[in-house]
Each structure stands twice: as C-alpha cells, then as structure tokens.
C-alpha cells in the first residue's frame, strides 16, 4: 500500500510519515506541505491512500480532486473540532475523518487499515455530530427489525474503528462473512453507507 501525507506542519507531518512507515502493509510514504507541491509530486498519482488536513489552503478542493483524478482513498485529519468542515470533506469523497489531538500510533494504524479495507473511519466527535444531523440530512427510514446478535457484534466493532480483517479475527469469521453482514445491516437500516448505518444504530440504541 502506498500512502501520501499532505500537511503544512513539518513536525506533525514527519511524525505521521514515521508512524506510517512502520506498518507492515505500507510499501512507501511520500509527503508534501502544500497543495501545489502535492499535485507536482509523482508519488501522489501512485498513492492508494492520502491523509490530508482540509484546513490548509485548497485542502477541501484537494480532497475532491484526489478522489476524481487519482482515485485514491482519502482520510481527513483535522486540527480542530470543525465538524461541519469534516462532514463536507466526507461528502466530497473522503472515507474518514480523524482529529489530530485524538491520534495515537494505534488509532492511526487502525484507521489506515480500515480505510484501505474500504471501511469508513469516523472519530467519536464526528459520530455525535452525525447523530445530531441524521434526522434532517439523511433519508433513513426506521429499522424494520432489530439487529441480530451477529450484526450487533460486527457493527459495534466497525463503530470502534476496526477494519474488516480485525473484526473477522475477533469474531472468528471469514472476511467475506463480515462484509456480507455489513451489507445486510446497511440494507436493513436503509442506510447509504457503513458510517450512516453506524450513526443510525447508535442513535436508535441498536448497538
């Protein structure tokens, strides 16, 4: 897996690169401090996953551009509690949002693995915001039935930020089984994504 980090803070960016370099799944990590530098960096166009702070000049448009031009997944790493901006980034195509002050090497590695696996990564603060916004911004109908024990177990672990592979290991399921369960949950809750399914399930006390 090839990663790219875009952040203006030199010390933070280098620390992020150093942590990511330690992951077994990571083949390479490139970085830039400005949007213009990122677009001029050849490694960006080979990246599978990009981590970016949307508050830097042109950061929000960069998220959309990366999704449309490069095709890489994007994780937003925000330096403040700007949840509305983070929601905009998610709507622009980012697969996750993390607050810098909540990051640890463990949460970072879990987030990267989850994003690479196609699982949305949402921090606790944003999840609360999603719950508050859900009635007015998401067309989610009441769940037709309660979740099964297996669905609750899987969705709870996904809500905690675990990628599909870790969920499978924890519950002694195959990854295909976990993905099938998640598909069933999203369908059952009439949600448009895993993140929305998690938000709805938490709000309704299903997990």
N, C-alpha and C. Protein backbone atom coordinates (compact mmCIF):
# COMPACT_ATOMS: atom_id res chain seq x y z
N UNK A 1 0.84 -1.19 0.00
CA UNK A 1 0.00 0.00 0.00
C UNK A 1 0.88 1.25 0.00
N UNK A 2 0.61 2.16 -0.90
CA UNK A 2 1.37 3.40 -1.00
C UNK A 2 0.55 4.56 -0.42
N UNK A 3 1.18 5.34 0.45
CA UNK A 3 0.49 6.43 1.14
C UNK A 3 1.09 7.78 0.78
N UNK A 4 0.27 8.82 0.97
CA UNK A 4 0.73 10.19 0.75
C UNK A 4 0.15 11.06 1.86
N UNK A 5 0.99 11.92 2.44
CA UNK A 5 0.57 12.79 3.53
C UNK A 5 0.71 14.25 3.10
N UNK A 6 -0.36 15.03 3.26
CA UNK A 6 -0.33 16.46 2.94
C UNK A 6 -0.68 17.25 4.19
N UNK A 7 0.30 18.00 4.70
CA UNK A 7 0.10 18.79 5.92
C UNK A 7 1.17 19.87 5.99
N UNK A 8 0.80 21.05 6.43
CA UNK A 8 1.73 22.18 6.48
C UNK A 8 2.66 22.14 7.68
N UNK A 9 2.28 21.42 8.74
CA UNK A 9 3.08 21.38 9.96
C UNK A 9 4.19 20.35 9.82
N UNK A 10 5.43 20.81 9.72
CA UNK A 10 6.56 19.93 9.41
C UNK A 10 6.75 18.81 10.43
N UNK A 11 6.75 19.16 11.71
CA UNK A 11 6.98 18.16 12.75
C UNK A 11 5.86 17.12 12.77
N UNK A 12 4.62 17.59 12.69
CA UNK A 12 3.48 16.66 12.68
C UNK A 12 3.54 15.76 11.45
N UNK A 13 3.83 16.35 10.30
CA UNK A 13 3.86 15.58 9.05
C UNK A 13 4.93 14.50 9.09
N UNK A 14 6.11 14.88 9.58
CA UNK A 14 7.21 13.91 9.66
C UNK A 14 6.90 12.80 10.67
N UNK A 15 6.24 13.17 11.76
CA UNK A 15 5.85 12.16 12.74
C UNK A 15 4.84 11.19 12.15
N UNK A 16 3.92 11.72 11.38
CA UNK A 16 2.91 10.89 10.72
C UNK A 16 3.57 9.92 9.74
N UNK A 17 4.49 10.45 8.95
CA UNK A 17 5.20 9.62 7.98
C UNK A 17 5.99 8.52 8.68
N UNK A 18 6.65 8.87 9.80
CA UNK A 18 7.45 7.90 10.54
C UNK A 18 6.58 6.77 11.08
N UNK A 19 5.40 7.11 11.63
CA UNK A 19 4.49 6.09 12.16
C UNK A 19 3.96 5.19 11.04
N UNK A 20 3.60 5.80 9.93
CA UNK A 20 3.05 5.03 8.82
C UNK A 20 4.09 4.10 8.20
N UNK A 21 5.33 4.54 8.20
CA UNK A 21 6.43 3.74 7.64
C UNK A 21 6.64 2.44 8.39
N UNK A 22 6.19 2.39 9.65
CA UNK A 22 6.38 1.20 10.47
C UNK A 22 5.36 0.10 10.19
N UNK A 23 4.30 0.42 9.48
CA UNK A 23 3.25 -0.55 9.22
C UNK A 23 3.69 -1.55 8.16
N UNK A 24 3.45 -2.82 8.42
CA UNK A 24 3.86 -3.88 7.50
C UNK A 24 3.20 -3.74 6.13
N UNK A 25 1.96 -3.25 6.12
CA UNK A 25 1.21 -3.16 4.87
C UNK A 25 1.68 -2.02 3.97
N UNK A 26 2.45 -1.10 4.54
CA UNK A 26 2.84 0.11 3.81
C UNK A 26 4.12 -0.11 3.02
N UNK A 27 4.03 0.13 1.73
CA UNK A 27 5.19 -0.01 0.84
C UNK A 27 6.02 1.27 0.81
N UNK A 28 5.33 2.42 0.80
CA UNK A 28 6.03 3.70 0.76
C UNK A 28 5.13 4.80 1.28
N UNK A 29 5.76 5.89 1.78
CA UNK A 29 5.03 7.05 2.25
C UNK A 29 5.71 8.30 1.72
N UNK A 30 5.01 9.09 0.92
CA UNK A 30 5.53 10.35 0.42
C UNK A 30 4.75 11.48 1.09
N UNK A 31 5.28 12.70 1.03
CA UNK A 31 4.58 13.80 1.70
C UNK A 31 4.84 15.13 1.02
N UNK A 32 3.99 16.10 1.35
CA UNK A 32 4.12 17.47 0.85
C UNK A 32 3.48 18.40 1.87
N UNK A 33 3.89 19.68 1.84
CA UNK A 33 3.34 20.64 2.80
C UNK A 33 2.32 21.59 2.19
N UNK A 34 2.25 21.63 0.86
CA UNK A 34 1.28 22.50 0.19
C UNK A 34 0.57 21.73 -0.91
N UNK A 35 -0.65 22.17 -1.21
CA UNK A 35 -1.44 21.52 -2.25
C UNK A 35 -0.70 21.52 -3.58
N UNK A 36 -0.10 22.65 -3.93
CA UNK A 36 0.61 22.74 -5.20
C UNK A 36 1.76 21.74 -5.26
N UNK A 37 2.49 21.62 -4.13
CA UNK A 37 3.59 20.66 -4.09
C UNK A 37 3.08 19.23 -4.25
N UNK A 38 1.92 18.95 -3.65
CA UNK A 38 1.35 17.60 -3.73
C UNK A 38 1.02 17.25 -5.17
N UNK A 39 0.37 18.18 -5.89
CA UNK A 39 -0.01 17.91 -7.28
C UNK A 39 1.21 17.74 -8.18
N UNK A 40 2.34 18.33 -7.78
CA UNK A 40 3.57 18.21 -8.58
C UNK A 40 4.39 16.99 -8.20
N UNK A 41 3.98 16.30 -7.15
CA UNK A 41 4.73 15.13 -6.66
C UNK A 41 4.25 13.87 -7.38
N UNK A 42 5.11 13.17 -8.09
CA UNK A 42 4.67 11.97 -8.84
C UNK A 42 4.12 10.86 -7.94
N UNK A 43 4.56 10.83 -6.68
CA UNK A 43 4.09 9.77 -5.78
C UNK A 43 2.60 9.89 -5.48
N UNK A 44 2.05 11.11 -5.58
CA UNK A 44 0.62 11.29 -5.30
C UNK A 44 -0.21 10.44 -6.25
N UNK A 45 0.21 10.35 -7.50
CA UNK A 45 -0.57 9.66 -8.52
C UNK A 45 -0.43 8.15 -8.46
N UNK A 46 0.41 7.67 -7.55
CA UNK A 46 0.55 6.24 -7.32
C UNK A 46 -0.01 5.83 -5.96
N UNK A 47 -0.51 6.81 -5.22
CA UNK A 47 -0.97 6.56 -3.85
C UNK A 47 -2.28 5.79 -3.81
N UNK A 48 -2.38 4.89 -2.84
CA UNK A 48 -3.63 4.17 -2.58
C UNK A 48 -4.46 4.90 -1.54
N UNK A 49 -3.78 5.62 -0.65
CA UNK A 49 -4.45 6.31 0.45
C UNK A 49 -3.74 7.63 0.72
N UNK A 50 -4.51 8.69 0.87
CA UNK A 50 -3.96 10.03 1.12
C UNK A 50 -4.52 10.56 2.42
N UNK A 51 -3.65 11.09 3.28
CA UNK A 51 -4.07 11.73 4.52
C UNK A 51 -3.86 13.22 4.38
N UNK A 52 -4.87 14.02 4.67
CA UNK A 52 -4.79 15.45 4.41
C UNK A 52 -5.53 16.25 5.48
N UNK A 53 -4.98 17.42 5.80
CA UNK A 53 -5.66 18.38 6.68
C UNK A 53 -6.44 19.33 5.77
N UNK A 54 -7.77 19.31 5.82
CA UNK A 54 -8.57 20.12 4.90
C UNK A 54 -8.53 21.61 5.20
N UNK A 55 -7.94 22.00 6.35
CA UNK A 55 -7.92 23.41 6.71
C UNK A 55 -6.81 24.18 5.98
N UNK A 56 -5.86 23.46 5.37
CA UNK A 56 -4.82 24.17 4.63
C UNK A 56 -5.40 24.76 3.35
N UNK A 57 -4.81 25.83 2.82
CA UNK A 57 -5.35 26.47 1.62
C UNK A 57 -5.54 25.48 0.47
N UNK A 58 -6.76 25.39 0.00
CA UNK A 58 -7.07 24.47 -1.09
C UNK A 58 -7.29 23.04 -0.65
N UNK A 59 -7.29 22.80 0.66
CA UNK A 59 -7.41 21.44 1.18
C UNK A 59 -8.72 20.76 0.84
N UNK A 60 -9.82 21.50 0.97
CA UNK A 60 -11.14 20.90 0.69
C UNK A 60 -11.26 20.49 -0.77
N UNK A 61 -10.82 21.36 -1.68
CA UNK A 61 -10.87 21.03 -3.10
C UNK A 61 -9.91 19.89 -3.43
N UNK A 62 -8.83 19.80 -2.67
CA UNK A 62 -7.84 18.75 -2.90
C UNK A 62 -8.47 17.38 -2.66
N UNK A 63 -9.33 17.28 -1.63
CA UNK A 63 -9.99 16.01 -1.34
C UNK A 63 -10.79 15.54 -2.54
N UNK A 64 -11.59 16.43 -3.09
CA UNK A 64 -12.39 16.08 -4.27
C UNK A 64 -11.50 15.75 -5.46
N UNK A 65 -10.45 16.55 -5.64
CA UNK A 65 -9.55 16.34 -6.77
C UNK A 65 -8.84 15.00 -6.71
N UNK A 66 -8.41 14.61 -5.52
CA UNK A 66 -7.73 13.32 -5.37
C UNK A 66 -8.66 12.17 -5.69
N UNK A 67 -9.89 12.25 -5.22
CA UNK A 67 -10.85 11.19 -5.48
C UNK A 67 -11.15 11.08 -6.97
N UNK A 68 -11.29 12.22 -7.64
CA UNK A 68 -11.69 12.21 -9.04
C UNK A 68 -10.51 11.97 -9.98
N UNK A 69 -9.33 12.51 -9.64
CA UNK A 69 -8.18 12.44 -10.54
C UNK A 69 -7.27 11.26 -10.27
N UNK A 70 -6.98 11.04 -8.99
CA UNK A 70 -6.05 9.98 -8.60
C UNK A 70 -6.77 8.66 -8.34
N UNK A 71 -7.96 8.77 -7.75
CA UNK A 71 -8.71 7.56 -7.41
C UNK A 71 -8.32 6.96 -6.08
N UNK A 72 -7.47 7.66 -5.33
CA UNK A 72 -7.04 7.16 -4.02
C UNK A 72 -8.10 7.46 -2.96
N UNK A 73 -8.12 6.65 -1.92
CA UNK A 73 -8.98 6.95 -0.78
C UNK A 73 -8.35 8.06 0.04
N UNK A 74 -9.19 8.85 0.71
CA UNK A 74 -8.70 10.00 1.47
C UNK A 74 -9.19 9.94 2.92
N UNK A 75 -8.26 10.13 3.86
CA UNK A 75 -8.62 10.31 5.26
C UNK A 75 -8.33 11.75 5.63
N UNK A 76 -9.32 12.42 6.17
CA UNK A 76 -9.16 13.79 6.63
C UNK A 76 -8.64 13.77 8.07
N UNK A 77 -7.56 14.50 8.33
CA UNK A 77 -7.01 14.66 9.67
C UNK A 77 -7.14 16.13 10.05
N UNK A 78 -8.11 16.46 10.89
CA UNK A 78 -8.40 17.85 11.22
C UNK A 78 -7.70 18.26 12.51
N UNK A 79 -7.26 19.51 12.55
CA UNK A 79 -6.55 20.01 13.72
C UNK A 79 -7.48 20.67 14.72
N UNK A 80 -8.75 20.80 14.38
CA UNK A 80 -9.70 21.43 15.30
C UNK A 80 -10.99 20.62 15.31
N UNK A 81 -12.01 21.17 15.94
CA UNK A 81 -13.29 20.46 16.07
C UNK A 81 -14.26 20.91 14.98
N UNK A 82 -13.73 21.28 13.82
CA UNK A 82 -14.58 21.76 12.73
C UNK A 82 -15.37 20.62 12.10
N UNK A 83 -16.41 20.18 12.80
CA UNK A 83 -17.16 19.01 12.34
C UNK A 83 -17.93 19.27 11.06
N UNK A 84 -18.41 20.50 10.89
CA UNK A 84 -19.14 20.81 9.65
C UNK A 84 -18.20 20.70 8.45
N UNK A 85 -16.97 21.17 8.62
CA UNK A 85 -15.98 21.07 7.54
C UNK A 85 -15.65 19.61 7.26
N UNK A 86 -15.58 18.82 8.33
CA UNK A 86 -15.28 17.41 8.16
C UNK A 86 -16.41 16.70 7.43
N UNK A 87 -17.64 17.06 7.75
CA UNK A 87 -18.78 16.47 7.06
C UNK A 87 -18.75 16.82 5.57
N UNK A 88 -18.33 18.05 5.28
CA UNK A 88 -18.22 18.46 3.89
C UNK A 88 -17.16 17.63 3.18
N UNK A 89 -16.06 17.35 3.91
CA UNK A 89 -14.99 16.54 3.33
C UNK A 89 -15.49 15.12 3.05
N UNK A 90 -16.28 14.57 3.96
CA UNK A 90 -16.82 13.24 3.76
C UNK A 90 -17.76 13.22 2.56
N UNK A 91 -18.55 14.27 2.44
CA UNK A 91 -19.46 14.36 1.30
C UNK A 91 -18.69 14.53 0.00
N UNK A 92 -17.49 15.10 0.10
CA UNK A 92 -16.65 15.30 -1.09
C UNK A 92 -15.95 14.02 -1.51
N UNK A 93 -16.04 12.99 -0.67
CA UNK A 93 -15.45 11.72 -1.05
C UNK A 93 -14.45 11.12 -0.09
N UNK A 94 -14.13 11.83 1.00
CA UNK A 94 -13.21 11.26 1.97
C UNK A 94 -13.84 10.04 2.64
N UNK A 95 -13.01 9.04 2.94
CA UNK A 95 -13.54 7.83 3.57
C UNK A 95 -13.47 7.90 5.09
N UNK A 96 -12.86 8.96 5.61
CA UNK A 96 -12.77 9.05 7.06
C UNK A 96 -12.36 10.41 7.56
N UNK A 97 -12.59 10.61 8.84
CA UNK A 97 -12.23 11.87 9.50
C UNK A 97 -11.65 11.55 10.88
N UNK A 98 -10.47 12.07 11.14
CA UNK A 98 -9.82 11.88 12.43
C UNK A 98 -9.37 13.24 12.95
N UNK A 99 -9.47 13.42 14.26
CA UNK A 99 -8.95 14.65 14.86
C UNK A 99 -7.51 14.41 15.28
N UNK A 100 -6.66 15.37 14.98
CA UNK A 100 -5.24 15.21 15.29
C UNK A 100 -4.98 14.99 16.77
N UNK A 101 -5.74 15.67 17.61
CA UNK A 101 -5.48 15.54 19.05
C UNK A 101 -5.96 14.19 19.61
N UNK A 102 -6.63 13.39 18.80
CA UNK A 102 -7.07 12.07 19.23
C UNK A 102 -6.20 10.95 18.65
N UNK A 103 -5.25 11.33 17.78
CA UNK A 103 -4.43 10.33 17.10
C UNK A 103 -3.35 9.75 18.01
N UNK A 104 -3.19 8.45 17.92
CA UNK A 104 -2.08 7.73 18.54
C UNK A 104 -1.56 6.79 17.46
N UNK A 105 -0.36 6.22 17.64
CA UNK A 105 0.11 5.25 16.64
C UNK A 105 -0.88 4.11 16.42
N UNK A 106 -1.58 3.71 17.49
CA UNK A 106 -2.55 2.61 17.39
C UNK A 106 -3.79 3.01 16.61
N UNK A 107 -4.35 4.19 16.95
CA UNK A 107 -5.56 4.62 16.24
C UNK A 107 -5.24 4.96 14.79
N UNK A 108 -4.05 5.47 14.55
CA UNK A 108 -3.65 5.78 13.18
C UNK A 108 -3.54 4.52 12.34
N UNK A 109 -2.87 3.50 12.87
CA UNK A 109 -2.70 2.26 12.12
C UNK A 109 -4.05 1.59 11.87
N UNK A 110 -4.93 1.61 12.87
CA UNK A 110 -6.26 1.01 12.70
C UNK A 110 -7.06 1.76 11.63
N UNK A 111 -6.94 3.09 11.65
CA UNK A 111 -7.68 3.90 10.67
C UNK A 111 -7.19 3.64 9.26
N UNK A 112 -5.88 3.55 9.09
CA UNK A 112 -5.31 3.31 7.77
C UNK A 112 -5.72 1.93 7.25
N UNK A 113 -5.65 0.93 8.11
CA UNK A 113 -6.04 -0.41 7.70
C UNK A 113 -7.52 -0.48 7.35
N UNK A 114 -8.33 0.21 8.16
CA UNK A 114 -9.77 0.21 7.90
C UNK A 114 -10.08 0.90 6.57
N UNK A 115 -9.46 2.06 6.34
CA UNK A 115 -9.70 2.80 5.10
C UNK A 115 -9.26 2.01 3.89
N UNK A 116 -8.10 1.36 4.00
CA UNK A 116 -7.60 0.54 2.90
C UNK A 116 -8.52 -0.63 2.61
N UNK A 117 -9.24 -1.06 3.65
CA UNK A 117 -10.16 -2.19 3.53
C UNK A 117 -11.53 -1.74 3.01
N UNK A 118 -11.70 -0.42 2.85
CA UNK A 118 -12.97 0.11 2.37
C UNK A 118 -13.94 0.47 3.46
N UNK A 119 -13.48 0.43 4.72
CA UNK A 119 -14.34 0.77 5.85
C UNK A 119 -14.21 2.24 6.18
N UNK A 120 -15.32 2.92 6.36
CA UNK A 120 -15.30 4.32 6.74
C UNK A 120 -14.73 4.48 8.15
N UNK A 121 -13.95 5.54 8.34
CA UNK A 121 -13.32 5.81 9.63
C UNK A 121 -13.87 7.12 10.17
N UNK A 122 -14.58 7.05 11.29
CA UNK A 122 -15.21 8.23 11.86
C UNK A 122 -14.87 8.33 13.34
N UNK A 123 -14.30 9.45 13.75
CA UNK A 123 -13.99 9.66 15.16
C UNK A 123 -15.24 9.86 15.98
N UNK A 124 -15.11 9.71 17.29
CA UNK A 124 -16.26 9.78 18.19
C UNK A 124 -16.96 11.13 18.11
N UNK A 125 -16.19 12.22 18.01
CA UNK A 125 -16.78 13.55 17.96
C UNK A 125 -17.65 13.73 16.74
N UNK A 126 -17.18 13.29 15.60
CA UNK A 126 -17.96 13.41 14.37
C UNK A 126 -19.17 12.50 14.41
N UNK A 127 -19.04 11.33 15.03
CA UNK A 127 -20.17 10.41 15.12
C UNK A 127 -21.33 11.08 15.87
N UNK A 128 -21.02 11.79 16.96
CA UNK A 128 -22.06 12.51 17.70
C UNK A 128 -22.71 13.55 16.81
N UNK A 129 -21.91 14.24 16.02
CA UNK A 129 -22.44 15.26 15.12
C UNK A 129 -23.33 14.63 14.06
N UNK A 130 -22.92 13.48 13.55
CA UNK A 130 -23.73 12.76 12.58
C UNK A 130 -25.08 12.37 13.17
N UNK A 131 -25.04 11.94 14.41
CA UNK A 131 -26.28 11.56 15.07
C UNK A 131 -27.23 12.75 15.19
N UNK A 132 -26.67 13.91 15.48
CA UNK A 132 -27.49 15.11 15.63
C UNK A 132 -28.06 15.56 14.29
N UNK A 133 -27.28 15.37 13.22
CA UNK A 133 -27.69 15.83 11.90
C UNK A 133 -28.55 14.82 11.15
N UNK A 134 -28.50 13.57 11.58
CA UNK A 134 -29.12 12.49 10.82
C UNK A 134 -30.59 12.71 10.48
N UNK A 135 -31.46 13.18 11.43
CA UNK A 135 -32.88 13.32 11.10
C UNK A 135 -33.15 14.30 9.97
N UNK A 136 -32.31 15.35 9.85
CA UNK A 136 -32.59 16.37 8.86
C UNK A 136 -31.80 16.21 7.57
N UNK A 137 -30.67 15.47 7.60
CA UNK A 137 -29.83 15.41 6.41
C UNK A 137 -29.80 14.05 5.75
N UNK A 138 -30.31 13.03 6.41
CA UNK A 138 -30.24 11.70 5.82
C UNK A 138 -31.62 11.09 5.71
N UNK A 139 -31.89 10.52 4.57
CA UNK A 139 -33.18 9.90 4.35
C UNK A 139 -33.13 8.46 4.83
N UNK A 140 -33.17 8.30 6.14
CA UNK A 140 -33.09 6.97 6.72
C UNK A 140 -34.43 6.63 7.36
N UNK A 141 -34.99 5.52 6.96
CA UNK A 141 -36.27 5.10 7.49
C UNK A 141 -36.07 4.28 8.75
N UNK A 142 -37.08 4.18 9.61
CA UNK A 142 -36.93 3.36 10.81
C UNK A 142 -36.55 1.94 10.45
N UNK A 143 -35.71 1.35 11.29
CA UNK A 143 -35.27 -0.02 11.04
C UNK A 143 -36.46 -0.97 11.09
N UNK A 144 -36.59 -1.86 10.12
CA UNK A 144 -37.72 -2.78 10.10
C UNK A 144 -37.64 -3.83 11.20
N UNK A 145 -36.46 -4.06 11.73
CA UNK A 145 -36.31 -5.07 12.78
C UNK A 145 -35.03 -4.79 13.53
N UNK A 146 -34.94 -5.34 14.72
CA UNK A 146 -33.71 -5.18 15.49
C UNK A 146 -32.60 -6.01 14.84
N UNK A 147 -31.38 -5.59 15.11
CA UNK A 147 -30.24 -6.32 14.56
C UNK A 147 -30.06 -7.65 15.29
N UNK A 148 -29.57 -8.63 14.56
CA UNK A 148 -29.27 -9.92 15.19
C UNK A 148 -28.02 -9.77 16.06
N UNK A 149 -27.76 -10.74 16.90
CA UNK A 149 -26.58 -10.68 17.76
C UNK A 149 -25.31 -10.55 16.92
N UNK A 150 -25.23 -11.30 15.83
CA UNK A 150 -24.05 -11.24 14.97
C UNK A 150 -23.91 -9.86 14.33
N UNK A 151 -25.02 -9.31 13.88
CA UNK A 151 -24.98 -7.97 13.28
C UNK A 151 -24.56 -6.92 14.30
N UNK A 152 -25.04 -7.05 15.52
CA UNK A 152 -24.66 -6.12 16.58
C UNK A 152 -23.17 -6.21 16.88
N UNK A 153 -22.65 -7.42 16.95
CA UNK A 153 -21.22 -7.61 17.23
C UNK A 153 -20.36 -7.00 16.15
N UNK A 154 -20.69 -7.28 14.91
CA UNK A 154 -19.91 -6.77 13.79
C UNK A 154 -19.98 -5.25 13.73
N UNK A 155 -21.18 -4.69 13.81
CA UNK A 155 -21.34 -3.24 13.69
C UNK A 155 -20.69 -2.51 14.85
N UNK A 156 -20.72 -3.09 16.04
CA UNK A 156 -20.08 -2.47 17.21
C UNK A 156 -18.57 -2.36 17.01
N UNK A 157 -17.97 -3.40 16.45
CA UNK A 157 -16.53 -3.37 16.21
C UNK A 157 -16.17 -2.39 15.09
N UNK A 158 -17.01 -2.32 14.07
CA UNK A 158 -16.80 -1.35 13.00
C UNK A 158 -16.92 0.07 13.57
N UNK A 159 -17.89 0.29 14.44
CA UNK A 159 -18.07 1.60 15.06
C UNK A 159 -16.86 2.00 15.89
N UNK A 160 -16.16 1.01 16.43
CA UNK A 160 -14.97 1.27 17.23
C UNK A 160 -13.73 1.49 16.37
N UNK A 161 -13.89 1.40 15.04
CA UNK A 161 -12.79 1.70 14.14
C UNK A 161 -11.98 0.52 13.66
N UNK A 162 -12.46 -0.70 13.93
CA UNK A 162 -11.71 -1.88 13.50
C UNK A 162 -11.98 -2.18 12.02
N UNK A 163 -10.94 -2.47 11.23
CA UNK A 163 -11.14 -2.86 9.83
C UNK A 163 -11.75 -4.25 9.75
N UNK A 164 -12.22 -4.60 8.57
CA UNK A 164 -12.90 -5.88 8.37
C UNK A 164 -12.04 -7.07 8.82
N UNK A 165 -10.77 -7.02 8.50
CA UNK A 165 -9.88 -8.14 8.85
C UNK A 165 -9.82 -8.37 10.37
N UNK A 166 -9.71 -7.27 11.14
CA UNK A 166 -9.65 -7.40 12.59
C UNK A 166 -10.99 -7.88 13.16
N UNK A 167 -12.09 -7.43 12.57
CA UNK A 167 -13.41 -7.88 13.01
C UNK A 167 -13.53 -9.38 12.79
N UNK A 168 -13.07 -9.83 11.62
CA UNK A 168 -13.13 -11.26 11.31
C UNK A 168 -12.31 -12.08 12.31
N UNK A 169 -11.11 -11.61 12.64
CA UNK A 169 -10.27 -12.32 13.60
C UNK A 169 -10.89 -12.33 14.99
N UNK A 170 -11.43 -11.19 15.38
CA UNK A 170 -12.03 -11.07 16.72
C UNK A 170 -13.22 -12.01 16.89
N UNK A 171 -14.02 -12.15 15.84
CA UNK A 171 -15.25 -12.95 15.94
C UNK A 171 -15.11 -14.35 15.32
N UNK A 172 -13.90 -14.65 14.83
CA UNK A 172 -13.64 -15.96 14.20
C UNK A 172 -14.54 -16.18 12.99
N UNK A 173 -14.73 -15.13 12.19
CA UNK A 173 -15.47 -15.22 10.95
C UNK A 173 -14.49 -15.04 9.79
N UNK A 174 -14.93 -15.37 8.60
CA UNK A 174 -14.15 -15.04 7.41
C UNK A 174 -14.42 -13.57 7.07
N UNK A 175 -13.50 -12.95 6.33
CA UNK A 175 -13.71 -11.56 5.93
C UNK A 175 -14.95 -11.44 5.04
N UNK A 176 -15.19 -12.44 4.21
CA UNK A 176 -16.37 -12.42 3.35
C UNK A 176 -17.65 -12.40 4.18
N UNK A 177 -17.65 -13.18 5.27
CA UNK A 177 -18.83 -13.20 6.15
C UNK A 177 -19.07 -11.83 6.76
N UNK A 178 -17.98 -11.19 7.22
CA UNK A 178 -18.12 -9.86 7.83
C UNK A 178 -18.67 -8.87 6.81
N UNK A 179 -18.15 -8.90 5.60
CA UNK A 179 -18.62 -7.98 4.57
C UNK A 179 -20.08 -8.24 4.22
N UNK A 180 -20.48 -9.49 4.20
CA UNK A 180 -21.88 -9.83 3.93
C UNK A 180 -22.79 -9.32 5.04
N UNK A 181 -22.32 -9.46 6.29
CA UNK A 181 -23.10 -8.98 7.43
C UNK A 181 -23.27 -7.46 7.33
N UNK A 182 -22.19 -6.77 7.01
CA UNK A 182 -22.25 -5.31 6.90
C UNK A 182 -23.19 -4.89 5.78
N UNK A 183 -23.15 -5.61 4.67
CA UNK A 183 -24.06 -5.31 3.56
C UNK A 183 -25.50 -5.48 4.00
N UNK A 184 -25.77 -6.55 4.75
CA UNK A 184 -27.13 -6.80 5.23
C UNK A 184 -27.59 -5.71 6.19
N UNK A 185 -26.67 -5.25 7.05
CA UNK A 185 -27.02 -4.21 8.02
C UNK A 185 -27.35 -2.89 7.30
N UNK A 186 -26.51 -2.51 6.36
CA UNK A 186 -26.75 -1.27 5.62
C UNK A 186 -28.10 -1.34 4.91
N UNK A 187 -28.40 -2.48 4.33
CA UNK A 187 -29.68 -2.67 3.64
C UNK A 187 -30.85 -2.64 4.62
N UNK A 188 -30.68 -3.34 5.74
CA UNK A 188 -31.75 -3.42 6.73
C UNK A 188 -32.10 -2.05 7.31
N UNK A 189 -31.08 -1.21 7.50
CA UNK A 189 -31.29 0.10 8.09
C UNK A 189 -31.57 1.18 7.04
N UNK A 190 -31.66 0.77 5.79
CA UNK A 190 -31.93 1.71 4.70
C UNK A 190 -30.90 2.84 4.68
N UNK A 191 -29.67 2.50 5.00
CA UNK A 191 -28.60 3.50 5.04
C UNK A 191 -27.88 3.54 3.70
N UNK A 192 -27.10 4.60 3.49
CA UNK A 192 -26.37 4.76 2.25
C UNK A 192 -24.90 4.38 2.38
N UNK A 193 -24.45 4.14 3.61
CA UNK A 193 -23.05 3.79 3.82
C UNK A 193 -22.92 3.12 5.18
N UNK A 194 -21.73 2.55 5.44
CA UNK A 194 -21.48 1.95 6.75
C UNK A 194 -21.51 3.00 7.86
N UNK A 195 -20.93 4.17 7.57
CA UNK A 195 -20.91 5.24 8.58
C UNK A 195 -22.32 5.65 8.96
N UNK A 196 -23.18 5.78 7.98
CA UNK A 196 -24.56 6.17 8.25
C UNK A 196 -25.28 5.07 9.02
N UNK A 197 -24.99 3.82 8.69
CA UNK A 197 -25.59 2.70 9.41
C UNK A 197 -25.15 2.70 10.87
N UNK A 198 -23.85 2.98 11.11
CA UNK A 198 -23.35 3.05 12.48
C UNK A 198 -24.03 4.17 13.24
N UNK A 199 -24.12 5.35 12.60
CA UNK A 199 -24.75 6.51 13.26
C UNK A 199 -26.20 6.20 13.64
N UNK A 200 -26.93 5.62 12.70
CA UNK A 200 -28.33 5.31 12.96
C UNK A 200 -28.47 4.25 14.06
N UNK A 201 -27.61 3.24 14.00
CA UNK A 201 -27.68 2.17 15.00
C UNK A 201 -27.38 2.69 16.41
N UNK A 202 -26.41 3.59 16.51
CA UNK A 202 -26.09 4.17 17.82
C UNK A 202 -27.24 5.03 18.33
N UNK A 203 -27.78 5.85 17.44
CA UNK A 203 -28.87 6.74 17.83
C UNK A 203 -30.09 5.96 18.32
N UNK A 204 -30.37 4.85 17.64
CA UNK A 204 -31.56 4.07 17.97
C UNK A 204 -31.30 3.03 19.05
N UNK A 205 -30.06 2.99 19.56
CA UNK A 205 -29.75 2.03 20.63
C UNK A 205 -29.67 0.60 20.15
N UNK A 206 -29.36 0.42 18.86
CA UNK A 206 -29.27 -0.94 18.31
C UNK A 206 -27.93 -1.59 18.61
N UNK A 207 -26.92 -0.78 18.95
CA UNK A 207 -25.63 -1.32 19.33
C UNK A 207 -25.11 -0.57 20.56
